Amino acid sequence: MHASLSSSENADAMKERIEAIPRAMYRMGWTVSAALMERWLHSPAWVLPESWKGDGAPDPRYTSPSHLDQRIVRMSWAMMRPRIRIALDRLRLKMANDAAKKVLRSRLTDLNWGTDRKVRFGSRHDSAVQLEMSCQSNFESFGDELDTMDDLYGALGLATLKVALIGEASRDARTGGITADVTFAGFYIRDTYDFNGLQYLGTWTKNGALSKTQMVMNSILDGAVAHMHGEPIGNVFNHDFDAYRRATGYGGDFVIYSDVRWEPVNLRLDLA
């Protein structure tokens, strides 16, 4: 139980054990984690560029649907976890701060203002993918290796909660200054689902993952704890999934966007 799957198993055994992990997740009640992993396992092999995790990410409106998932992660599910509610409270406080107003102005400047110098920006009918490059103003990161091991931990780990502001803006004909009347704030999650880099993903049996305490005890007792919790799968690392991809031709990374949680607001922002 100490070696990674790719180094200790032949290809067929490694494939079987990797594909057992989402079934173990379902047994634990980790339904979202399992659905995300099943999508990865059933997708043609594709490695997400490292730049997509940061400022180099392409406009999602023009990204291939095969590289996006907008279906599995839902805000109603995420909001059941206290750490998401805490992140959302923090984001509310800075969704219209100076940095956010600077970002929003840059997005509104490129719109077609027409002759009346007024324009509506965003819509409650827009998806997170549509809002990302048009109305998104700020973000809050969440997730930590010390978090409770639950479905949120298994699905997202470290991810980003974002906010988009929508409403109506007017532009001063003389100064070019923009005033935005914001009527709704939309909150959504963005993350990347990939197995790039070096990361330990836990000790697994076919009944689920060991807790953090059990993992320590399992290491001390040379795998005995895992055997007590079901048929062992093994210690799992990112590179085991890379080995799976090379062996099978499957394993497609993708970008996650949740649906949007809308909240009414009443803000007038000077974006001069």
C-alpha atoms as a PDB file:
ATOM      1  CA  MET A   1       0.000   0.000   0.000  1.00  0.00           C
ATOM      2  CA  HIS A   2       3.009   2.347   0.020  1.00  0.00           C
ATOM      3  CA  ALA A   3       3.847   2.445  -3.731  1.00  0.00           C
ATOM      4  CA  SER A   4       1.770   4.329  -6.269  1.00  0.00           C
ATOM      5  CA  LEU A   5      -0.454   2.323  -8.575  1.00  0.00           C
ATOM      6  CA  SER A   6       1.498   3.052 -11.743  1.00  0.00           C
ATOM      7  CA  SER A   7       4.762   1.841 -10.238  1.00  0.00           C
ATOM      8  CA  SER A   8       3.442  -1.232  -8.421  1.00  0.00           C
ATOM      9  CA  GLU A   9       0.804  -2.658 -10.775  1.00  0.00           C
ATOM     10  CA  ASN A  10       0.781  -3.918 -14.329  1.00  0.00           C
ATOM     11  CA  ALA A  11      -1.270  -1.900 -16.807  1.00  0.00           C
ATOM     12  CA  ASP A  12      -4.474  -3.960 -16.585  1.00  0.00           C
ATOM     13  CA  ALA A  13      -4.482  -3.999 -12.796  1.00  0.00           C
ATOM     14  CA  MET A  14      -3.730  -0.271 -12.668  1.00  0.00           C
ATOM     15  CA  LYS A  15      -6.635   0.445 -15.065  1.00  0.00           C
ATOM     16  CA  GLU A  16      -9.023  -1.673 -13.008  1.00  0.00           C
ATOM     17  CA  ARG A  17      -8.093   0.035  -9.761  1.00  0.00           C
ATOM     18  CA  ILE A  18      -8.300   3.583 -11.147  1.00  0.00           C
ATOM     19  CA  GLU A  19     -11.760   2.833 -12.539  1.00  0.00           C
ATOM     20  CA  ALA A  20     -12.805   1.522  -9.109  1.00  0.00           C
ATOM     21  CA  ILE A  21     -12.245   4.934  -7.498  1.00  0.00           C
ATOM     22  CA  PRO A  22     -15.456   6.653  -8.687  1.00  0.00           C
ATOM     23  CA  ARG A  23     -17.443   3.601  -7.583  1.00  0.00           C
ATOM     24  CA  ALA A  24     -15.848   3.979  -4.157  1.00  0.00           C
ATOM     25  CA  MET A  25     -16.783   7.661  -4.207  1.00  0.00           C
ATOM     26  CA  TYR A  26     -20.431   6.779  -4.816  1.00  0.00           C
ATOM     27  CA  ARG A  27     -20.308   4.430  -1.819  1.00  0.00           C
ATOM     28  CA  MET A  28     -19.065   7.347   0.296  1.00  0.00           C
ATOM     29  CA  GLY A  29     -21.836   9.621  -0.980  1.00  0.00           C
ATOM     30  CA  TRP A  30     -19.379  11.683  -3.003  1.00  0.00           C
ATOM     31  CA  THR A  31     -21.684  11.906  -6.012  1.00  0.00           C
ATOM     32  CA  VAL A  32     -20.240  15.072  -7.568  1.00  0.00           C
ATOM     33  CA  SER A  33     -16.643  13.864  -7.155  1.00  0.00           C
ATOM     34  CA  ALA A  34     -17.591  10.578  -8.791  1.00  0.00           C
ATOM     35  CA  ALA A  35     -19.376  12.253 -11.706  1.00  0.00           C
ATOM     36  CA  LEU A  36     -16.386  14.498 -12.426  1.00  0.00           C
ATOM     37  CA  MET A  37     -13.970  11.584 -12.357  1.00  0.00           C
ATOM     38  CA  GLU A  38     -16.219   9.481 -14.581  1.00  0.00           C
ATOM     39  CA  ARG A  39     -16.319  12.288 -17.133  1.00  0.00           C
ATOM     40  CA  TRP A  40     -12.502  12.405 -17.091  1.00  0.00           C
ATOM     41  CA  LEU A  41     -12.190   8.625 -17.433  1.00  0.00           C
ATOM     42  CA  HIS A  42     -14.643   8.480 -20.346  1.00  0.00           C
ATOM     43  CA  SER A  43     -13.183  11.421 -22.303  1.00  0.00           C
ATOM     44  CA  PRO A  44     -10.521  11.115 -25.004  1.00  0.00           C
ATOM     45  CA  ALA A  45      -7.030  11.806 -23.686  1.00  0.00           C
ATOM     46  CA  TRP A  46      -6.261  15.519 -23.455  1.00  0.00           C
ATOM     47  CA  VAL A  47      -3.866  17.429 -21.189  1.00  0.00           C
ATOM     48  CA  LEU A  48      -4.958  20.839 -19.980  1.00  0.00           C
ATOM     49  CA  PRO A  49      -2.300  23.523 -20.677  1.00  0.00           C
ATOM     50  CA  GLU A  50      -0.866  24.861 -17.432  1.00  0.00           C
ATOM     51  CA  SER A  51      -1.621  28.425 -18.588  1.00  0.00           C
ATOM     52  CA  TRP A  52      -5.358  27.656 -18.457  1.00  0.00           C
ATOM     53  CA  LYS A  53      -5.150  27.658 -14.665  1.00  0.00           C
ATOM     54  CA  GLY A  54      -4.266  31.351 -14.556  1.00  0.00           C
ATOM     55  CA  ASP A  55      -4.390  34.531 -16.604  1.00  0.00           C
ATOM     56  CA  GLY A  56      -3.571  32.632 -19.788  1.00  0.00           C
ATOM     57  CA  ALA A  57      -6.932  30.859 -19.888  1.00  0.00           C
ATOM     58  CA  PRO A  58      -8.747  31.349 -23.209  1.00  0.00           C
ATOM     59  CA  ASP A  59     -12.187  32.937 -23.522  1.00  0.00           C
ATOM     60  CA  PRO A  60     -14.517  30.093 -22.467  1.00  0.00           C
ATOM     61  CA  ARG A  61     -17.185  31.275 -24.910  1.00  0.00           C
ATOM     62  CA  TYR A  62     -14.928  30.054 -27.730  1.00  0.00           C
ATOM     63  CA  THR A  63     -13.484  26.988 -26.001  1.00  0.00           C
ATOM     64  CA  SER A  64     -14.388  23.552 -27.316  1.00  0.00           C
ATOM     65  CA  PRO A  65     -17.314  22.055 -25.355  1.00  0.00           C
ATOM     66  CA  SER A  66     -15.220  18.903 -24.964  1.00  0.00           C
ATOM     67  CA  HIS A  67     -12.923  20.923 -22.692  1.00  0.00           C
ATOM     68  CA  LEU A  68     -15.705  22.432 -20.551  1.00  0.00           C
ATOM     69  CA  ASP A  69     -18.202  21.074 -18.038  1.00  0.00           C
ATOM     70  CA  GLN A  70     -21.141  23.285 -17.057  1.00  0.00           C
ATOM     71  CA  ARG A  71     -23.427  20.506 -15.830  1.00  0.00           C
ATOM     72  CA  ILE A  72     -22.002  18.667 -12.842  1.00  0.00           C
ATOM     73  CA  VAL A  73     -21.134  21.308 -10.214  1.00  0.00           C
ATOM     74  CA  ARG A  74     -24.152  23.227  -8.888  1.00  0.00           C
ATOM     75  CA  MET A  75     -24.122  26.200  -6.544  1.00  0.00           C
ATOM     76  CA  SER A  76     -26.974  24.749  -4.473  1.00  0.00           C
ATOM     77  CA  TRP A  77     -24.740  21.742  -3.744  1.00  0.00           C
ATOM     78  CA  ALA A  78     -21.690  23.896  -2.962  1.00  0.00           C
ATOM     79  CA  MET A  79     -23.638  26.214  -0.646  1.00  0.00           C
ATOM     80  CA  MET A  80     -24.342  23.315   1.701  1.00  0.00           C
ATOM     81  CA  ARG A  81     -20.677  23.538   2.799  1.00  0.00           C
ATOM     82  CA  PRO A  82     -19.725  26.207   5.370  1.00  0.00           C
ATOM     83  CA  ARG A  83     -16.407  27.031   3.646  1.00  0.00           C
ATOM     84  CA  ILE A  84     -18.270  28.023   0.470  1.00  0.00           C
ATOM     85  CA  ARG A  85     -20.640  30.241   2.441  1.00  0.00           C
ATOM     86  CA  ILE A  86     -17.641  31.876   4.120  1.00  0.00           C
ATOM     87  CA  ALA A  87     -15.971  32.459   0.737  1.00  0.00           C
ATOM     88  CA  LEU A  88     -19.198  33.953  -0.637  1.00  0.00           C
ATOM     89  CA  ASP A  89     -19.465  36.337   2.342  1.00  0.00           C
ATOM     90  CA  ARG A  90     -15.910  37.516   1.659  1.00  0.00           C
ATOM     91  CA  LEU A  91     -16.619  37.954  -2.031  1.00  0.00           C
ATOM     92  CA  ARG A  92     -19.743  40.017  -1.366  1.00  0.00           C
ATOM     93  CA  LEU A  93     -17.556  42.503   0.508  1.00  0.00           C
ATOM     94  CA  LYS A  94     -15.197  43.047  -2.427  1.00  0.00           C
ATOM     95  CA  MET A  95     -17.414  42.496  -5.470  1.00  0.00           C
ATOM     96  CA  ALA A  96     -17.505  46.283  -6.061  1.00  0.00           C
ATOM     97  CA  ASN A  97     -14.214  47.456  -4.502  1.00  0.00           C
ATOM     98  CA  ASP A  98     -11.712  49.583  -6.413  1.00  0.00           C
ATOM     99  CA  ALA A  99     -10.102  46.565  -8.084  1.00  0.00           C
ATOM    100  CA  ALA A 100     -13.508  45.220  -9.124  1.00  0.00           C
ATOM    101  CA  LYS A 101     -14.588  48.576 -10.539  1.00  0.00           C
ATOM    102  CA  LYS A 102     -11.397  48.746 -12.606  1.00  0.00           C
ATOM    103  CA  VAL A 103     -12.094  45.298 -14.076  1.00  0.00           C
ATOM    104  CA  LEU A 104     -15.750  46.108 -14.739  1.00  0.00           C
ATOM    105  CA  ARG A 105     -14.872  49.358 -16.498  1.00  0.00           C
ATOM    106  CA  SER A 106     -12.473  47.559 -18.823  1.00  0.00           C
ATOM    107  CA  ARG A 107     -15.231  45.098 -19.716  1.00  0.00           C
ATOM    108  CA  LEU A 108     -17.880  47.772 -20.290  1.00  0.00           C
ATOM    109  CA  THR A 109     -15.621  50.018 -22.378  1.00  0.00           C
ATOM    110  CA  ASP A 110     -15.655  47.487 -25.224  1.00  0.00           C
ATOM    111  CA  LEU A 111     -19.460  47.312 -25.457  1.00  0.00           C
ATOM    112  CA  ASN A 112     -21.528  48.851 -28.272  1.00  0.00           C
ATOM    113  CA  TRP A 113     -22.875  51.970 -26.576  1.00  0.00           C
ATOM    114  CA  GLY A 114     -25.100  53.253 -29.375  1.00  0.00           C
ATOM    115  CA  THR A 115     -26.272  56.846 -29.735  1.00  0.00           C
ATOM    116  CA  ASP A 116     -28.004  57.195 -26.340  1.00  0.00           C
ATOM    117  CA  ARG A 117     -24.781  56.347 -24.470  1.00  0.00           C
ATOM    118  CA  LYS A 118     -26.585  53.772 -22.371  1.00  0.00           C
ATOM    119  CA  VAL A 119     -26.163  50.029 -22.407  1.00  0.00           C
ATOM    120  CA  ARG A 120     -27.400  47.022 -20.476  1.00  0.00           C
ATOM    121  CA  PHE A 121     -24.647  44.652 -19.413  1.00  0.00           C
ATOM    122  CA  GLY A 122     -25.224  41.029 -18.595  1.00  0.00           C
ATOM    123  CA  SER A 123     -28.427  39.083 -18.094  1.00  0.00           C
ATOM    124  CA  ARG A 124     -29.784  36.643 -15.540  1.00  0.00           C
ATOM    125  CA  HIS A 125     -30.201  34.277 -18.481  1.00  0.00           C
ATOM    126  CA  ASP A 126     -26.419  34.239 -19.063  1.00  0.00           C
ATOM    127  CA  SER A 127     -24.375  31.213 -18.040  1.00  0.00           C
ATOM    128  CA  ALA A 128     -21.139  31.481 -16.078  1.00  0.00           C
ATOM    129  CA  VAL A 129     -19.245  30.931 -19.330  1.00  0.00           C
ATOM    130  CA  GLN A 130     -21.008  33.939 -20.891  1.00  0.00           C
ATOM    131  CA  LEU A 131     -20.483  36.117 -17.818  1.00  0.00           C
ATOM    132  CA  GLU A 132     -16.799  35.286 -17.360  1.00  0.00           C
ATOM    133  CA  MET A 133     -15.408  37.709 -19.932  1.00  0.00           C
ATOM    134  CA  SER A 134     -18.232  40.260 -19.996  1.00  0.00           C
ATOM    135  CA  CYS A 135     -19.328  41.051 -16.423  1.00  0.00           C
ATOM    136  CA  GLN A 136     -17.088  39.212 -13.936  1.00  0.00           C
ATOM    137  CA  SER A 137     -15.610  41.689 -11.445  1.00  0.00           C
ATOM    138  CA  ASN A 138     -13.808  39.827  -8.648  1.00  0.00           C
ATOM    139  CA  PHE A 139     -13.066  36.410  -7.125  1.00  0.00           C
ATOM    140  CA  GLU A 140     -12.258  34.555  -3.911  1.00  0.00           C
ATOM    141  CA  SER A 141     -10.189  31.390  -3.700  1.00  0.00           C
ATOM    142  CA  PHE A 142     -11.268  28.565  -1.426  1.00  0.00           C
ATOM    143  CA  GLY A 143     -10.041  25.132  -0.431  1.00  0.00           C
ATOM    144  CA  ASP A 144      -7.086  23.835   1.566  1.00  0.00           C
ATOM    145  CA  GLU A 145      -5.354  20.515   2.135  1.00  0.00           C
ATOM    146  CA  LEU A 146      -6.517  20.711   5.765  1.00  0.00           C
ATOM    147  CA  ASP A 147     -10.210  20.911   4.787  1.00  0.00           C
ATOM    148  CA  THR A 148     -12.667  18.217   5.820  1.00  0.00           C
ATOM    149  CA  MET A 149     -12.573  15.263   3.442  1.00  0.00           C
ATOM    150  CA  ASP A 150     -16.018  15.422   1.864  1.00  0.00           C
ATOM    151  CA  ASP A 151     -17.569  15.591  -1.600  1.00  0.00           C
ATOM    152  CA  LEU A 152     -16.486  19.222  -2.042  1.00  0.00           C
ATOM    153  CA  TYR A 153     -12.899  18.317  -1.116  1.00  0.00           C
ATOM    154  CA  GLY A 154     -12.909  15.396  -3.548  1.00  0.00           C
ATOM    155  CA  ALA A 155     -14.519  17.341  -6.379  1.00  0.00           C
ATOM    156  CA  LEU A 156     -12.759  20.693  -6.332  1.00  0.00           C
ATOM    157  CA  GLY A 157      -9.955  20.923  -3.788  1.00  0.00           C
ATOM    158  CA  LEU A 158      -8.575  24.444  -4.331  1.00  0.00           C
ATOM    159  CA  ALA A 159     -10.921  26.368  -6.626  1.00  0.00           C
ATOM    160  CA  THR A 160     -12.264  29.859  -7.309  1.00  0.00           C
ATOM    161  CA  LEU A 161     -15.591  31.490  -6.495  1.00  0.00           C
ATOM    162  CA  LYS A 162     -16.311  34.368  -8.887  1.00  0.00           C
ATOM    163  CA  VAL A 163     -18.867  37.166  -9.053  1.00  0.00           C
ATOM    164  CA  ALA A 164     -20.380  38.892 -12.088  1.00  0.00           C
ATOM    165  CA  LEU A 165     -22.355  42.137 -11.875  1.00  0.00           C
ATOM    166  CA  ILE A 166     -25.210  42.976 -14.239  1.00  0.00           C
ATOM    167  CA  GLY A 167     -27.358  46.049 -14.776  1.00  0.00           C
ATOM    168  CA  GLU A 168     -27.375  49.236 -16.859  1.00  0.00           C
ATOM    169  CA  ALA A 169     -24.560  51.682 -17.516  1.00  0.00           C
ATOM    170  CA  SER A 170     -24.458  55.233 -18.839  1.00  0.00           C
ATOM    171  CA  ARG A 171     -21.492  57.051 -20.354  1.00  0.00           C
ATOM    172  CA  ASP A 172     -20.825  60.779 -20.052  1.00  0.00           C
ATOM    173  CA  ALA A 173     -20.493  62.269 -23.531  1.00  0.00           C
ATOM    174  CA  ARG A 174     -17.976  64.876 -22.376  1.00  0.00           C
ATOM    175  CA  THR A 175     -15.690  63.012 -19.985  1.00  0.00           C
ATOM    176  CA  GLY A 176     -16.237  59.416 -21.076  1.00  0.00           C
ATOM    177  CA  GLY A 177     -16.871  58.449 -17.456  1.00  0.00           C
ATOM    178  CA  ILE A 178     -19.114  55.445 -16.877  1.00  0.00           C
ATOM    179  CA  THR A 179     -21.762  55.043 -14.193  1.00  0.00           C
ATOM    180  CA  ALA A 180     -23.090  51.546 -13.608  1.00  0.00           C
ATOM    181  CA  ASP A 181     -26.371  50.783 -11.865  1.00  0.00           C
ATOM    182  CA  VAL A 182     -25.996  47.175 -10.719  1.00  0.00           C
ATOM    183  CA  THR A 183     -29.174  45.203 -10.055  1.00  0.00           C
ATOM    184  CA  PHE A 184     -27.929  41.615  -9.583  1.00  0.00           C
ATOM    185  CA  ALA A 185     -24.749  39.837  -8.569  1.00  0.00           C
ATOM    186  CA  GLY A 186     -24.156  36.352  -9.926  1.00  0.00           C
ATOM    187  CA  PHE A 187     -21.852  33.945  -8.060  1.00  0.00           C
ATOM    188  CA  TYR A 188     -20.311  30.879  -9.677  1.00  0.00           C
ATOM    189  CA  ILE A 189     -17.409  28.449  -9.347  1.00  0.00           C
ATOM    190  CA  ARG A 190     -14.576  27.958 -11.802  1.00  0.00           C
ATOM    191  CA  ASP A 191     -11.998  25.196 -11.500  1.00  0.00           C
ATOM    192  CA  THR A 192      -9.807  22.997 -13.664  1.00  0.00           C
ATOM    193  CA  TYR A 193     -10.098  19.205 -13.493  1.00  0.00           C
ATOM    194  CA  ASP A 194      -6.710  17.759 -14.248  1.00  0.00           C
ATOM    195  CA  PHE A 195      -3.984  15.580 -12.788  1.00  0.00           C
ATOM    196  CA  ASN A 196      -0.972  17.711 -13.671  1.00  0.00           C
ATOM    197  CA  GLY A 197       1.892  18.069 -11.243  1.00  0.00           C
ATOM    198  CA  LEU A 198       2.914  16.090  -8.171  1.00  0.00           C
ATOM    199  CA  GLN A 199       0.089  15.449  -5.734  1.00  0.00           C
ATOM    200  CA  TYR A 200      -0.893  12.685  -3.351  1.00  0.00           C
ATOM    201  CA  LEU A 201      -4.616  11.909  -3.713  1.00  0.00           C
ATOM    202  CA  GLY A 202      -5.095   9.686  -0.693  1.00  0.00           C
ATOM    203  CA  THR A 203      -5.240   6.024   0.237  1.00  0.00           C
ATOM    204  CA  TRP A 204      -8.232   4.259  -1.262  1.00  0.00           C
ATOM    205  CA  THR A 205     -10.135   1.010  -0.838  1.00  0.00           C
ATOM    206  CA  LYS A 206     -13.081  -0.101  -2.918  1.00  0.00           C
ATOM    207  CA  ASN A 207     -15.316   1.204  -0.106  1.00  0.00           C
ATOM    208  CA  GLY A 208     -13.823   4.687  -0.141  1.00  0.00           C
ATOM    209  CA  ALA A 209     -10.894   6.841   0.942  1.00  0.00           C
ATOM    210  CA  LEU A 210      -9.279   6.545   4.342  1.00  0.00           C
ATOM    211  CA  SER A 211      -9.597   9.565   6.612  1.00  0.00           C
ATOM    212  CA  LYS A 212      -6.477  11.624   7.232  1.00  0.00           C
ATOM    213  CA  THR A 213      -5.986   9.963  10.616  1.00  0.00           C
ATOM    214  CA  GLN A 214      -6.464   6.516   9.070  1.00  0.00           C
ATOM    215  CA  MET A 215      -3.899   7.312   6.377  1.00  0.00           C
ATOM    216  CA  VAL A 216      -1.291   8.054   9.029  1.00  0.00           C
ATOM    217  CA  MET A 217      -2.109   4.859  10.906  1.00  0.00           C
ATOM    218  CA  ASN A 218      -2.112   2.875   7.667  1.00  0.00           C
ATOM    219  CA  SER A 219       1.417   4.081   6.921  1.00  0.00           C
ATOM    220  CA  ILE A 220       2.611   3.182  10.416  1.00  0.00           C
ATOM    221  CA  LEU A 221       0.943  -0.256  10.319  1.00  0.00           C
ATOM    222  CA  ASP A 222       2.137  -1.109   6.797  1.00  0.00           C
ATOM    223  CA  GLY A 223      -1.269  -1.151   5.110  1.00  0.00           C
ATOM    224  CA  ALA A 224      -3.237  -2.961   7.810  1.00  0.00           C
ATOM    225  CA  VAL A 225      -5.785  -0.169   8.266  1.00  0.00           C
ATOM    226  CA  ALA A 226      -6.721  -0.143   4.567  1.00  0.00           C
ATOM    227  CA  HIS A 227      -7.287  -3.896   4.608  1.00  0.00           C
ATOM    228  CA  MET A 228      -9.744  -3.462   7.480  1.00  0.00           C
ATOM    229  CA  HIS A 229     -11.836  -1.025   5.413  1.00  0.00           C
ATOM    230  CA  GLY A 230     -12.329  -3.096   2.287  1.00  0.00           C
ATOM    231  CA  GLU A 231     -10.372  -4.413  -0.645  1.00  0.00           C
ATOM    232  CA  PRO A 232      -7.415  -2.037  -1.103  1.00  0.00           C
ATOM    233  CA  ILE A 233      -6.998   0.112  -4.193  1.00  0.00           C
ATOM    234  CA  GLY A 234      -3.781   1.721  -3.012  1.00  0.00           C
ATOM    235  CA  ASN A 235      -2.027   5.029  -2.487  1.00  0.00           C
ATOM    236  CA  VAL A 236      -3.084   7.239  -5.372  1.00  0.00           C
ATOM    237  CA  PHE A 237      -1.064  10.045  -6.968  1.00  0.00           C
ATOM    238  CA  ASN A 238      -1.597  12.381  -9.906  1.00  0.00           C
ATOM    239  CA  HIS A 239       0.902  10.439 -12.005  1.00  0.00           C
ATOM    240  CA  ASP A 240      -1.248   7.300 -11.699  1.00  0.00           C
ATOM    241  CA  PHE A 241      -3.904   9.069 -13.753  1.00  0.00           C
ATOM    242  CA  ASP A 242      -1.290  10.187 -16.254  1.00  0.00           C
ATOM    243  CA  ALA A 243      -0.220   6.542 -16.574  1.00  0.00           C
ATOM    244  CA  TYR A 244      -3.874   5.580 -17.077  1.00  0.00           C
ATOM    245  CA  ARG A 245      -4.169   8.146 -19.872  1.00  0.00           C
ATOM    246  CA  ARG A 246      -1.060   6.889 -21.641  1.00  0.00           C
ATOM    247  CA  ALA A 247      -2.163   3.253 -21.309  1.00  0.00           C
ATOM    248  CA  THR A 248      -5.780   3.671 -22.444  1.00  0.00           C
ATOM    249  CA  GLY A 249      -6.015   6.753 -24.653  1.00  0.00           C
ATOM    250  CA  TYR A 250      -8.674   8.101 -22.291  1.00  0.00           C
ATOM    251  CA  GLY A 251      -8.466  10.735 -19.583  1.00  0.00           C
ATOM    252  CA  GLY A 252      -9.486  14.182 -20.790  1.00  0.00           C
ATOM    253  CA  ASP A 253      -8.862  17.231 -18.604  1.00  0.00           C
ATOM    254  CA  PHE A 254     -11.501  19.965 -18.590  1.00  0.00           C
ATOM    255  CA  VAL A 255     -12.526  23.305 -17.085  1.00  0.00           C
ATOM    256  CA  ILE A 256     -15.418  23.345 -14.621  1.00  0.00           C
ATOM    257  CA  TYR A 257     -18.032  26.101 -14.523  1.00  0.00           C
ATOM    258  CA  SER A 258     -20.952  25.841 -12.127  1.00  0.00           C
ATOM    259  CA  ASP A 259     -24.371  27.328 -12.663  1.00  0.00           C
ATOM    260  CA  VAL A 260     -24.967  30.871 -11.324  1.00  0.00           C
ATOM    261  CA  ARG A 261     -26.428  31.866  -7.957  1.00  0.00           C
ATOM    262  CA  TRP A 262     -28.159  35.230  -8.416  1.00  0.00           C
ATOM    263  CA  GLU A 263     -28.670  37.754  -5.625  1.00  0.00           C
ATOM    264  CA  PRO A 264     -30.422  41.142  -5.965  1.00  0.00           C
ATOM    265  CA  VAL A 265     -28.269  44.192  -5.202  1.00  0.00           C
ATOM    266  CA  ASN A 266     -28.691  47.947  -5.500  1.00  0.00           C
ATOM    267  CA  LEU A 267     -25.367  49.572  -6.330  1.00  0.00           C
ATOM    268  CA  ARG A 268     -24.402  52.689  -8.237  1.00  0.00           C
ATOM    269  CA  LEU A 269     -20.761  52.520  -9.239  1.00  0.00           C
ATOM    270  CA  ASP A 270     -18.684  55.398 -10.560  1.00  0.00           C
ATOM    271  CA  LEU A 271     -16.307  53.786 -13.040  1.00  0.00           C
ATOM    272  CA  ALA A 272     -14.624  57.013 -14.160  1.00  0.00           C
END
